[in-house]
Amino acid sequence: MLSLKTIKGYKDINRPKRLMKYVLIWCSSGQATIVVDEKELTVKQNSVLTITSGQIHYFKDIRDAQGYILEFTLDFFCKNDSDIELIFQNGLFCHFAMNEVIPVRNHTFLDGQLRTIEKELAEEPYQYLISVHSRIELILVEINRSKILRGDEIWKPDALFLKFLELVRSNFEHNHSVSRYAELLHTTETRLNEQAKSHTGKTAQKVIYGLIISEAKRLLTYEKLIVKEVAHKLGFSDPFYFSNFFKKYTGQSPKSYQSRYAL
């Protein structure tokens, strides 16, 4: 549910991986190039990169990079709606491939919090998990402040929309309708569409399609599944229909995409 390792001490750091955890990479010195899904990003001294649960990532190039890699599950961090909103505030951990490198103004504070988390996890004093949770909150607040100070717009997501995204991600194989997701979330289809429009400018159904396409890309490139298997995992009974769906939204067939990007 929670781990913290140094960049130098992280096993198989160059091997592509897909974790059902939220990953925060802190570079205190040097630099490293990290691939997240189809995107290459370079973290440099006193900068941070956040990776959403389920994204494929690996270190492509490390140039004397020092720092930490913090991994935690949604269940560990999100105890209430405020936690859910904080983890996604200002696009920190974003489901829509908007990963970015963020320079941190108060880097001494952030580095200190990570060092304290490292000590807490090693020694496990009384109520250490409560302490660690609070320190992760402080880290996310500090990163948010750095984003705002550089001129980013403040974006505060609604917990309901984020619960919708997480529910879609954990139910791909069922191919639920928007109305079914509304039922599971104890809300209405109208409200889900309002939330989706407010946050993305798209309907809830279009948001679902976008998440399906992202998942299909990962299954094709990382797990190297054949088209029929990918279609089944994503709730499509007809592989041909899935292939047409994929090509409509990406401009290429699943096989072509896989041959070009498979890891």
C-alpha atoms as a PDB file:
ATOM      1  CA  MET A   1       0.000   0.000   0.000  1.00  0.00           C
ATOM      2  CA  LEU A   2       2.976   2.316   0.538  1.00  0.00           C
ATOM      3  CA  SER A   3       6.691   2.326  -0.235  1.00  0.00           C
ATOM      4  CA  LEU A   4       9.549   4.803  -0.459  1.00  0.00           C
ATOM      5  CA  LYS A   5      12.880   4.052  -2.121  1.00  0.00           C
ATOM      6  CA  THR A   6      15.815   6.114  -3.309  1.00  0.00           C
ATOM      7  CA  ILE A   7      16.283   6.419  -7.062  1.00  0.00           C
ATOM      8  CA  LYS A   8      19.612   4.606  -6.765  1.00  0.00           C
ATOM      9  CA  GLY A   9      18.100   1.872  -4.602  1.00  0.00           C
ATOM     10  CA  TYR A  10      15.085   1.169  -6.816  1.00  0.00           C
ATOM     11  CA  LYS A  11      15.213  -2.332  -8.317  1.00  0.00           C
ATOM     12  CA  ASP A  12      14.760  -2.755 -12.099  1.00  0.00           C
ATOM     13  CA  ILE A  13      14.353   0.980 -12.535  1.00  0.00           C
ATOM     14  CA  ASN A  14      14.969   0.711 -16.304  1.00  0.00           C
ATOM     15  CA  ARG A  15      12.337  -1.984 -16.823  1.00  0.00           C
ATOM     16  CA  PRO A  16       8.831  -0.885 -17.949  1.00  0.00           C
ATOM     17  CA  LYS A  17       6.323  -1.394 -15.170  1.00  0.00           C
ATOM     18  CA  ARG A  18       2.668  -0.828 -14.503  1.00  0.00           C
ATOM     19  CA  LEU A  19       1.638  -0.345 -10.895  1.00  0.00           C
ATOM     20  CA  MET A  20      -1.810   0.058  -9.411  1.00  0.00           C
ATOM     21  CA  LYS A  21      -0.270   2.741  -7.219  1.00  0.00           C
ATOM     22  CA  TYR A  22       0.261   6.479  -7.454  1.00  0.00           C
ATOM     23  CA  VAL A  23       3.924   7.276  -8.039  1.00  0.00           C
ATOM     24  CA  LEU A  24       5.768  10.466  -7.101  1.00  0.00           C
ATOM     25  CA  ILE A  25       9.341  10.837  -8.358  1.00  0.00           C
ATOM     26  CA  TRP A  26      11.447  13.487  -6.609  1.00  0.00           C
ATOM     27  CA  CYS A  27      14.796  14.511  -8.112  1.00  0.00           C
ATOM     28  CA  SER A  28      16.983  16.401  -5.618  1.00  0.00           C
ATOM     29  CA  SER A  29      20.057  16.531  -7.885  1.00  0.00           C
ATOM     30  CA  GLY A  30      21.227  15.372 -11.304  1.00  0.00           C
ATOM     31  CA  GLN A  31      18.587  14.451 -13.866  1.00  0.00           C
ATOM     32  CA  ALA A  32      16.760  11.498 -15.389  1.00  0.00           C
ATOM     33  CA  THR A  33      14.577  10.879 -18.431  1.00  0.00           C
ATOM     34  CA  ILE A  34      11.423   8.933 -17.658  1.00  0.00           C
ATOM     35  CA  VAL A  35       8.971   7.440 -20.152  1.00  0.00           C
ATOM     36  CA  VAL A  36       5.312   7.579 -19.088  1.00  0.00           C
ATOM     37  CA  ASP A  37       3.032   5.766 -21.532  1.00  0.00           C
ATOM     38  CA  GLU A  38       4.033   7.391 -24.852  1.00  0.00           C
ATOM     39  CA  LYS A  39       5.647  10.491 -23.369  1.00  0.00           C
ATOM     40  CA  GLU A  40       9.283  11.229 -22.423  1.00  0.00           C
ATOM     41  CA  LEU A  41       9.884  13.637 -19.552  1.00  0.00           C
ATOM     42  CA  THR A  42      13.128  14.801 -17.969  1.00  0.00           C
ATOM     43  CA  VAL A  43      13.226  15.506 -14.248  1.00  0.00           C
ATOM     44  CA  LYS A  44      16.038  17.768 -13.091  1.00  0.00           C
ATOM     45  CA  GLN A  45      17.294  19.084  -9.772  1.00  0.00           C
ATOM     46  CA  ASN A  46      14.509  20.086  -7.372  1.00  0.00           C
ATOM     47  CA  SER A  47      11.677  18.904  -9.605  1.00  0.00           C
ATOM     48  CA  VAL A  48       8.968  16.301  -9.275  1.00  0.00           C
ATOM     49  CA  LEU A  49       6.953  14.065 -11.600  1.00  0.00           C
ATOM     50  CA  THR A  50       3.668  12.391 -10.696  1.00  0.00           C
ATOM     51  CA  ILE A  51       2.436   9.210 -12.372  1.00  0.00           C
ATOM     52  CA  THR A  52      -1.162   8.016 -12.136  1.00  0.00           C
ATOM     53  CA  SER A  53      -2.041   4.497 -11.066  1.00  0.00           C
ATOM     54  CA  GLY A  54      -1.960   2.162 -14.068  1.00  0.00           C
ATOM     55  CA  GLN A  55       0.361   4.207 -16.286  1.00  0.00           C
ATOM     56  CA  ILE A  56       3.332   2.399 -17.833  1.00  0.00           C
ATOM     57  CA  HIS A  57       6.604   4.021 -16.841  1.00  0.00           C
ATOM     58  CA  TYR A  58      10.351   3.421 -16.694  1.00  0.00           C
ATOM     59  CA  PHE A  59      13.630   5.323 -16.413  1.00  0.00           C
ATOM     60  CA  LYS A  60      15.205   5.595 -19.867  1.00  0.00           C
ATOM     61  CA  ASP A  61      18.293   7.568 -18.913  1.00  0.00           C
ATOM     62  CA  ILE A  62      19.786   8.443 -15.513  1.00  0.00           C
ATOM     63  CA  ARG A  63      22.436  11.123 -15.177  1.00  0.00           C
ATOM     64  CA  ASP A  64      23.584  11.166 -11.556  1.00  0.00           C
ATOM     65  CA  ALA A  65      19.961  11.494 -10.424  1.00  0.00           C
ATOM     66  CA  GLN A  66      19.463  11.512  -6.668  1.00  0.00           C
ATOM     67  CA  GLY A  67      16.121  11.528  -4.915  1.00  0.00           C
ATOM     68  CA  TYR A  68      13.152   9.373  -3.982  1.00  0.00           C
ATOM     69  CA  ILE A  69      10.368   7.346  -5.548  1.00  0.00           C
ATOM     70  CA  LEU A  70       7.207   7.322  -3.416  1.00  0.00           C
ATOM     71  CA  GLU A  71       4.443   4.826  -4.243  1.00  0.00           C
ATOM     72  CA  PHE A  72       1.065   4.578  -2.526  1.00  0.00           C
ATOM     73  CA  THR A  73      -2.351   3.116  -3.259  1.00  0.00           C
ATOM     74  CA  LEU A  74      -5.560   5.088  -3.562  1.00  0.00           C
ATOM     75  CA  ASP A  75      -6.981   3.167  -0.599  1.00  0.00           C
ATOM     76  CA  PHE A  76      -4.077   4.214   1.603  1.00  0.00           C
ATOM     77  CA  PHE A  77      -4.241   7.912   0.820  1.00  0.00           C
ATOM     78  CA  CYS A  78      -7.895   8.638   0.101  1.00  0.00           C
ATOM     79  CA  LYS A  79      -9.737   8.389   3.419  1.00  0.00           C
ATOM     80  CA  ASN A  80     -12.380  10.994   2.499  1.00  0.00           C
ATOM     81  CA  ASP A  81     -13.528  13.277  -0.327  1.00  0.00           C
ATOM     82  CA  SER A  82     -10.974  15.957   0.604  1.00  0.00           C
ATOM     83  CA  ASP A  83      -8.130  13.467   0.088  1.00  0.00           C
ATOM     84  CA  ILE A  84      -9.575  12.404  -3.270  1.00  0.00           C
ATOM     85  CA  GLU A  85      -9.787  16.021  -4.414  1.00  0.00           C
ATOM     86  CA  LEU A  86      -6.262  16.827  -3.188  1.00  0.00           C
ATOM     87  CA  ILE A  87      -4.587  13.966  -5.012  1.00  0.00           C
ATOM     88  CA  PHE A  88      -6.010  15.189  -8.325  1.00  0.00           C
ATOM     89  CA  GLN A  89      -6.029  18.937  -7.662  1.00  0.00           C
ATOM     90  CA  ASN A  90      -4.398  21.050 -10.385  1.00  0.00           C
ATOM     91  CA  GLY A  91      -3.874  17.904 -12.458  1.00  0.00           C
ATOM     92  CA  LEU A  92      -1.288  16.401 -10.087  1.00  0.00           C
ATOM     93  CA  PHE A  93      -2.229  12.774 -10.729  1.00  0.00           C
ATOM     94  CA  CYS A  94      -4.219  13.002 -13.934  1.00  0.00           C
ATOM     95  CA  HIS A  95      -6.056  10.236 -15.804  1.00  0.00           C
ATOM     96  CA  PHE A  96      -5.715  12.012 -19.144  1.00  0.00           C
ATOM     97  CA  ALA A  97      -1.988  11.662 -19.960  1.00  0.00           C
ATOM     98  CA  MET A  98      -1.169  15.190 -18.790  1.00  0.00           C
ATOM     99  CA  ASN A  99       1.954  14.218 -16.851  1.00  0.00           C
ATOM    100  CA  GLU A 100       4.414  17.065 -16.393  1.00  0.00           C
ATOM    101  CA  VAL A 101       7.637  17.903 -14.596  1.00  0.00           C
ATOM    102  CA  ILE A 102       7.055  20.439 -11.818  1.00  0.00           C
ATOM    103  CA  PRO A 103       9.920  22.503 -10.344  1.00  0.00           C
ATOM    104  CA  VAL A 104       9.396  22.857  -6.581  1.00  0.00           C
ATOM    105  CA  ARG A 105      10.032  26.257  -4.999  1.00  0.00           C
ATOM    106  CA  ASN A 106      10.441  25.101  -1.402  1.00  0.00           C
ATOM    107  CA  HIS A 107      12.550  22.091  -2.307  1.00  0.00           C
ATOM    108  CA  THR A 108      14.238  21.906   1.104  1.00  0.00           C
ATOM    109  CA  PHE A 109      10.845  21.372   2.754  1.00  0.00           C
ATOM    110  CA  LEU A 110       9.796  18.671   0.284  1.00  0.00           C
ATOM    111  CA  ASP A 111      13.099  16.832   0.558  1.00  0.00           C
ATOM    112  CA  GLY A 112      12.871  16.985   4.333  1.00  0.00           C
ATOM    113  CA  GLN A 113       9.368  15.511   4.371  1.00  0.00           C
ATOM    114  CA  LEU A 114      10.475  12.580   2.208  1.00  0.00           C
ATOM    115  CA  ARG A 115      13.456  11.931   4.460  1.00  0.00           C
ATOM    116  CA  THR A 116      11.156  11.934   7.474  1.00  0.00           C
ATOM    117  CA  ILE A 117       8.792   9.487   5.718  1.00  0.00           C
ATOM    118  CA  GLU A 118      11.800   7.257   5.022  1.00  0.00           C
ATOM    119  CA  LYS A 119      12.674   7.290   8.740  1.00  0.00           C
ATOM    120  CA  GLU A 120       9.064   6.683   9.835  1.00  0.00           C
ATOM    121  CA  LEU A 121       8.722   3.666   7.533  1.00  0.00           C
ATOM    122  CA  ALA A 122      12.030   2.236   8.713  1.00  0.00           C
ATOM    123  CA  GLU A 123      11.372   2.673  12.454  1.00  0.00           C
ATOM    124  CA  GLU A 124       7.548   2.289  12.516  1.00  0.00           C
ATOM    125  CA  PRO A 125       6.911   4.415  15.628  1.00  0.00           C
ATOM    126  CA  TYR A 126       3.435   4.692  17.171  1.00  0.00           C
ATOM    127  CA  GLN A 127       0.851   5.908  14.583  1.00  0.00           C
ATOM    128  CA  TYR A 128       3.527   6.214  11.913  1.00  0.00           C
ATOM    129  CA  LEU A 129       1.055   5.638   9.055  1.00  0.00           C
ATOM    130  CA  ILE A 130      -1.011   8.615  10.218  1.00  0.00           C
ATOM    131  CA  SER A 131       2.183  10.675  10.256  1.00  0.00           C
ATOM    132  CA  VAL A 132       3.154   9.498   6.763  1.00  0.00           C
ATOM    133  CA  HIS A 133      -0.316  10.245   5.397  1.00  0.00           C
ATOM    134  CA  SER A 134      -0.138  13.783   6.768  1.00  0.00           C
ATOM    135  CA  ARG A 135       3.324  14.299   5.278  1.00  0.00           C
ATOM    136  CA  ILE A 136       2.159  13.165   1.853  1.00  0.00           C
ATOM    137  CA  GLU A 137      -0.653  15.726   2.150  1.00  0.00           C
ATOM    138  CA  LEU A 138       1.923  18.433   2.924  1.00  0.00           C
ATOM    139  CA  ILE A 139       4.044  17.342  -0.050  1.00  0.00           C
ATOM    140  CA  LEU A 140       1.079  17.579  -2.427  1.00  0.00           C
ATOM    141  CA  VAL A 141       0.149  20.999  -1.038  1.00  0.00           C
ATOM    142  CA  GLU A 142       3.725  22.204  -1.593  1.00  0.00           C
ATOM    143  CA  ILE A 143       3.704  20.939  -5.185  1.00  0.00           C
ATOM    144  CA  ASN A 144       0.354  22.648  -5.767  1.00  0.00           C
ATOM    145  CA  ARG A 145       1.765  25.900  -4.399  1.00  0.00           C
ATOM    146  CA  SER A 146       4.711  25.645  -6.772  1.00  0.00           C
ATOM    147  CA  LYS A 147       2.323  25.190  -9.704  1.00  0.00           C
ATOM    148  CA  ILE A 148       0.264  28.211  -8.702  1.00  0.00           C
ATOM    149  CA  LEU A 149       3.358  30.377  -8.140  1.00  0.00           C
ATOM    150  CA  ARG A 150       4.542  29.672 -11.681  1.00  0.00           C
ATOM    151  CA  GLY A 151       1.195  30.880 -13.016  1.00  0.00           C
ATOM    152  CA  ASP A 152      -0.863  27.710 -13.437  1.00  0.00           C
ATOM    153  CA  GLU A 153      -4.621  28.014 -13.149  1.00  0.00           C
ATOM    154  CA  ILE A 154      -6.203  26.635 -10.002  1.00  0.00           C
ATOM    155  CA  TRP A 155      -8.185  23.507 -10.863  1.00  0.00           C
ATOM    156  CA  LYS A 156     -10.151  21.878  -8.069  1.00  0.00           C
ATOM    157  CA  PRO A 157     -11.878  18.667  -9.169  1.00  0.00           C
ATOM    158  CA  ASP A 158     -15.047  17.314  -7.645  1.00  0.00           C
ATOM    159  CA  ALA A 159     -14.760  14.054  -5.696  1.00  0.00           C
ATOM    160  CA  LEU A 160     -17.764  12.598  -7.549  1.00  0.00           C
ATOM    161  CA  PHE A 161     -16.057  12.982 -10.930  1.00  0.00           C
ATOM    162  CA  LEU A 162     -12.873  11.398  -9.611  1.00  0.00           C
ATOM    163  CA  LYS A 163     -14.823   8.474  -8.147  1.00  0.00           C
ATOM    164  CA  PHE A 164     -16.414   8.078 -11.587  1.00  0.00           C
ATOM    165  CA  LEU A 165     -12.975   7.884 -13.246  1.00  0.00           C
ATOM    166  CA  GLU A 166     -11.726   5.322 -10.739  1.00  0.00           C
ATOM    167  CA  LEU A 167     -14.888   3.242 -11.133  1.00  0.00           C
ATOM    168  CA  VAL A 168     -14.528   3.183 -14.915  1.00  0.00           C
ATOM    169  CA  ARG A 169     -10.886   2.116 -14.606  1.00  0.00           C
ATOM    170  CA  SER A 170     -11.793  -0.819 -12.384  1.00  0.00           C
ATOM    171  CA  ASN A 171     -14.729  -2.014 -14.523  1.00  0.00           C
ATOM    172  CA  PHE A 172     -13.482  -2.018 -18.110  1.00  0.00           C
ATOM    173  CA  GLU A 173     -14.439  -5.667 -18.639  1.00  0.00           C
ATOM    174  CA  HIS A 174     -18.101  -4.935 -17.819  1.00  0.00           C
ATOM    175  CA  ASN A 175     -18.508  -2.187 -20.452  1.00  0.00           C
ATOM    176  CA  HIS A 176     -20.999  -0.363 -18.228  1.00  0.00           C
ATOM    177  CA  SER A 177     -23.260   2.386 -19.556  1.00  0.00           C
ATOM    178  CA  VAL A 178     -23.198   5.891 -18.092  1.00  0.00           C
ATOM    179  CA  SER A 179     -26.521   5.175 -16.407  1.00  0.00           C
ATOM    180  CA  ARG A 180     -25.044   2.098 -14.707  1.00  0.00           C
ATOM    181  CA  TYR A 181     -22.084   4.105 -13.389  1.00  0.00           C
ATOM    182  CA  ALA A 182     -24.533   6.715 -12.114  1.00  0.00           C
ATOM    183  CA  GLU A 183     -26.437   3.981 -10.311  1.00  0.00           C
ATOM    184  CA  LEU A 184     -23.252   2.601  -8.732  1.00  0.00           C
ATOM    185  CA  LEU A 185     -22.282   6.102  -7.575  1.00  0.00           C
ATOM    186  CA  HIS A 186     -25.764   6.839  -6.218  1.00  0.00           C
ATOM    187  CA  THR A 187     -26.208   9.815  -8.513  1.00  0.00           C
ATOM    188  CA  THR A 188     -27.879  10.574 -11.849  1.00  0.00           C
ATOM    189  CA  GLU A 189     -26.726  10.310 -15.442  1.00  0.00           C
ATOM    190  CA  THR A 190     -27.448  14.029 -15.818  1.00  0.00           C
ATOM    191  CA  ARG A 191     -25.121  14.899 -12.940  1.00  0.00           C
ATOM    192  CA  LEU A 192     -22.326  12.717 -14.317  1.00  0.00           C
ATOM    193  CA  ASN A 193     -22.618  14.458 -17.671  1.00  0.00           C
ATOM    194  CA  GLU A 194     -22.560  17.846 -15.951  1.00  0.00           C
ATOM    195  CA  GLN A 195     -19.422  16.850 -14.058  1.00  0.00           C
ATOM    196  CA  ALA A 196     -17.738  15.499 -17.192  1.00  0.00           C
ATOM    197  CA  LYS A 197     -18.569  18.644 -19.169  1.00  0.00           C
ATOM    198  CA  SER A 198     -17.304  20.854 -16.350  1.00  0.00           C
ATOM    199  CA  HIS A 199     -14.005  18.999 -15.972  1.00  0.00           C
ATOM    200  CA  THR A 200     -13.202  17.966 -19.539  1.00  0.00           C
ATOM    201  CA  GLY A 201     -15.626  19.656 -21.899  1.00  0.00           C
ATOM    202  CA  LYS A 202     -16.818  16.203 -22.964  1.00  0.00           C
ATOM    203  CA  THR A 203     -19.803  14.003 -22.193  1.00  0.00           C
ATOM    204  CA  ALA A 204     -19.415  11.226 -19.627  1.00  0.00           C
ATOM    205  CA  GLN A 205     -19.578   8.679 -22.459  1.00  0.00           C
ATOM    206  CA  LYS A 206     -16.706  10.385 -24.296  1.00  0.00           C
ATOM    207  CA  VAL A 207     -14.686  10.342 -21.078  1.00  0.00           C
ATOM    208  CA  ILE A 208     -15.287   6.589 -20.810  1.00  0.00           C
ATOM    209  CA  TYR A 209     -14.167   6.129 -24.418  1.00  0.00           C
ATOM    210  CA  GLY A 210     -10.974   8.066 -23.714  1.00  0.00           C
ATOM    211  CA  LEU A 211     -10.146   5.896 -20.721  1.00  0.00           C
ATOM    212  CA  ILE A 212     -10.844   2.737 -22.752  1.00  0.00           C
ATOM    213  CA  ILE A 213      -8.473   3.860 -25.513  1.00  0.00           C
ATOM    214  CA  SER A 214      -5.714   4.629 -22.991  1.00  0.00           C
ATOM    215  CA  GLU A 215      -6.167   1.207 -21.417  1.00  0.00           C
ATOM    216  CA  ALA A 216      -6.186  -0.490 -24.818  1.00  0.00           C
ATOM    217  CA  LYS A 217      -2.848   1.145 -25.680  1.00  0.00           C
ATOM    218  CA  ARG A 218      -1.303  -0.144 -22.464  1.00  0.00           C
ATOM    219  CA  LEU A 219      -2.621  -3.670 -23.003  1.00  0.00           C
ATOM    220  CA  LEU A 220      -1.264  -3.682 -26.552  1.00  0.00           C
ATOM    221  CA  THR A 221       2.165  -2.241 -25.761  1.00  0.00           C
ATOM    222  CA  TYR A 222       2.989  -3.398 -22.242  1.00  0.00           C
ATOM    223  CA  GLU A 223       1.134  -6.681 -21.862  1.00  0.00           C
ATOM    224  CA  LYS A 224       1.471  -7.437 -25.604  1.00  0.00           C
ATOM    225  CA  LEU A 225      -1.966  -9.051 -25.800  1.00  0.00           C
ATOM    226  CA  ILE A 226      -3.472  -9.981 -29.150  1.00  0.00           C
ATOM    227  CA  VAL A 227      -6.416  -7.903 -30.365  1.00  0.00           C
ATOM    228  CA  LYS A 228      -8.988 -10.521 -29.375  1.00  0.00           C
ATOM    229  CA  GLU A 229      -7.655 -10.591 -25.798  1.00  0.00           C
ATOM    230  CA  VAL A 230      -7.622  -6.798 -25.527  1.00  0.00           C
ATOM    231  CA  ALA A 231     -11.192  -6.624 -26.810  1.00  0.00           C
ATOM    232  CA  HIS A 232     -12.303  -9.179 -24.210  1.00  0.00           C
ATOM    233  CA  LYS A 233     -10.577  -7.345 -21.340  1.00  0.00           C
ATOM    234  CA  LEU A 234     -12.307  -4.126 -22.356  1.00  0.00           C
ATOM    235  CA  GLY A 235     -15.802  -5.599 -22.570  1.00  0.00           C
ATOM    236  CA  PHE A 236     -16.075  -5.914 -26.364  1.00  0.00           C
ATOM    237  CA  SER A 237     -17.699  -9.163 -27.485  1.00  0.00           C
ATOM    238  CA  ASP A 238     -16.655  -8.576 -31.094  1.00  0.00           C
ATOM    239  CA  PRO A 239     -12.904  -8.003 -31.779  1.00  0.00           C
ATOM    240  CA  PHE A 240     -13.745  -6.503 -35.178  1.00  0.00           C
ATOM    241  CA  TYR A 241     -15.950  -3.872 -33.539  1.00  0.00           C
ATOM    242  CA  PHE A 242     -13.174  -3.101 -31.059  1.00  0.00           C
ATOM    243  CA  SER A 243     -10.672  -2.691 -33.916  1.00  0.00           C
ATOM    244  CA  ASN A 244     -12.964  -0.210 -35.659  1.00  0.00           C
ATOM    245  CA  PHE A 245     -13.509   1.632 -32.367  1.00  0.00           C
ATOM    246  CA  PHE A 246      -9.759   1.861 -31.744  1.00  0.00           C
ATOM    247  CA  LYS A 247      -9.012   3.062 -35.271  1.00  0.00           C
ATOM    248  CA  LYS A 248     -11.746   5.696 -35.060  1.00  0.00           C
ATOM    249  CA  TYR A 249     -10.121   7.312 -32.022  1.00  0.00           C
ATOM    250  CA  THR A 250      -6.428   6.776 -32.821  1.00  0.00           C
ATOM    251  CA  GLY A 251      -6.257   6.795 -36.610  1.00  0.00           C
ATOM    252  CA  GLN A 252      -4.591   3.383 -36.755  1.00  0.00           C
ATOM    253  CA  SER A 253      -5.505  -0.236 -36.202  1.00  0.00           C
ATOM    254  CA  PRO A 254      -4.637  -2.002 -32.933  1.00  0.00           C
ATOM    255  CA  LYS A 255      -2.101  -4.211 -34.746  1.00  0.00           C
ATOM    256  CA  SER A 256      -0.387  -1.223 -36.353  1.00  0.00           C
ATOM    257  CA  TYR A 257      -0.258   0.589 -33.034  1.00  0.00           C
ATOM    258  CA  GLN A 258       1.157  -2.471 -31.283  1.00  0.00           C
ATOM    259  CA  SER A 259       3.860  -3.052 -33.899  1.00  0.00           C
ATOM    260  CA  ARG A 260       4.967   0.576 -33.568  1.00  0.00           C
ATOM    261  CA  TYR A 261       4.915   1.032 -29.794  1.00  0.00           C
ATOM    262  CA  ALA A 262       5.199  -2.388 -28.131  1.00  0.00           C
ATOM    263  CA  LEU A 263       7.824  -2.348 -25.387  1.00  0.00           C
END
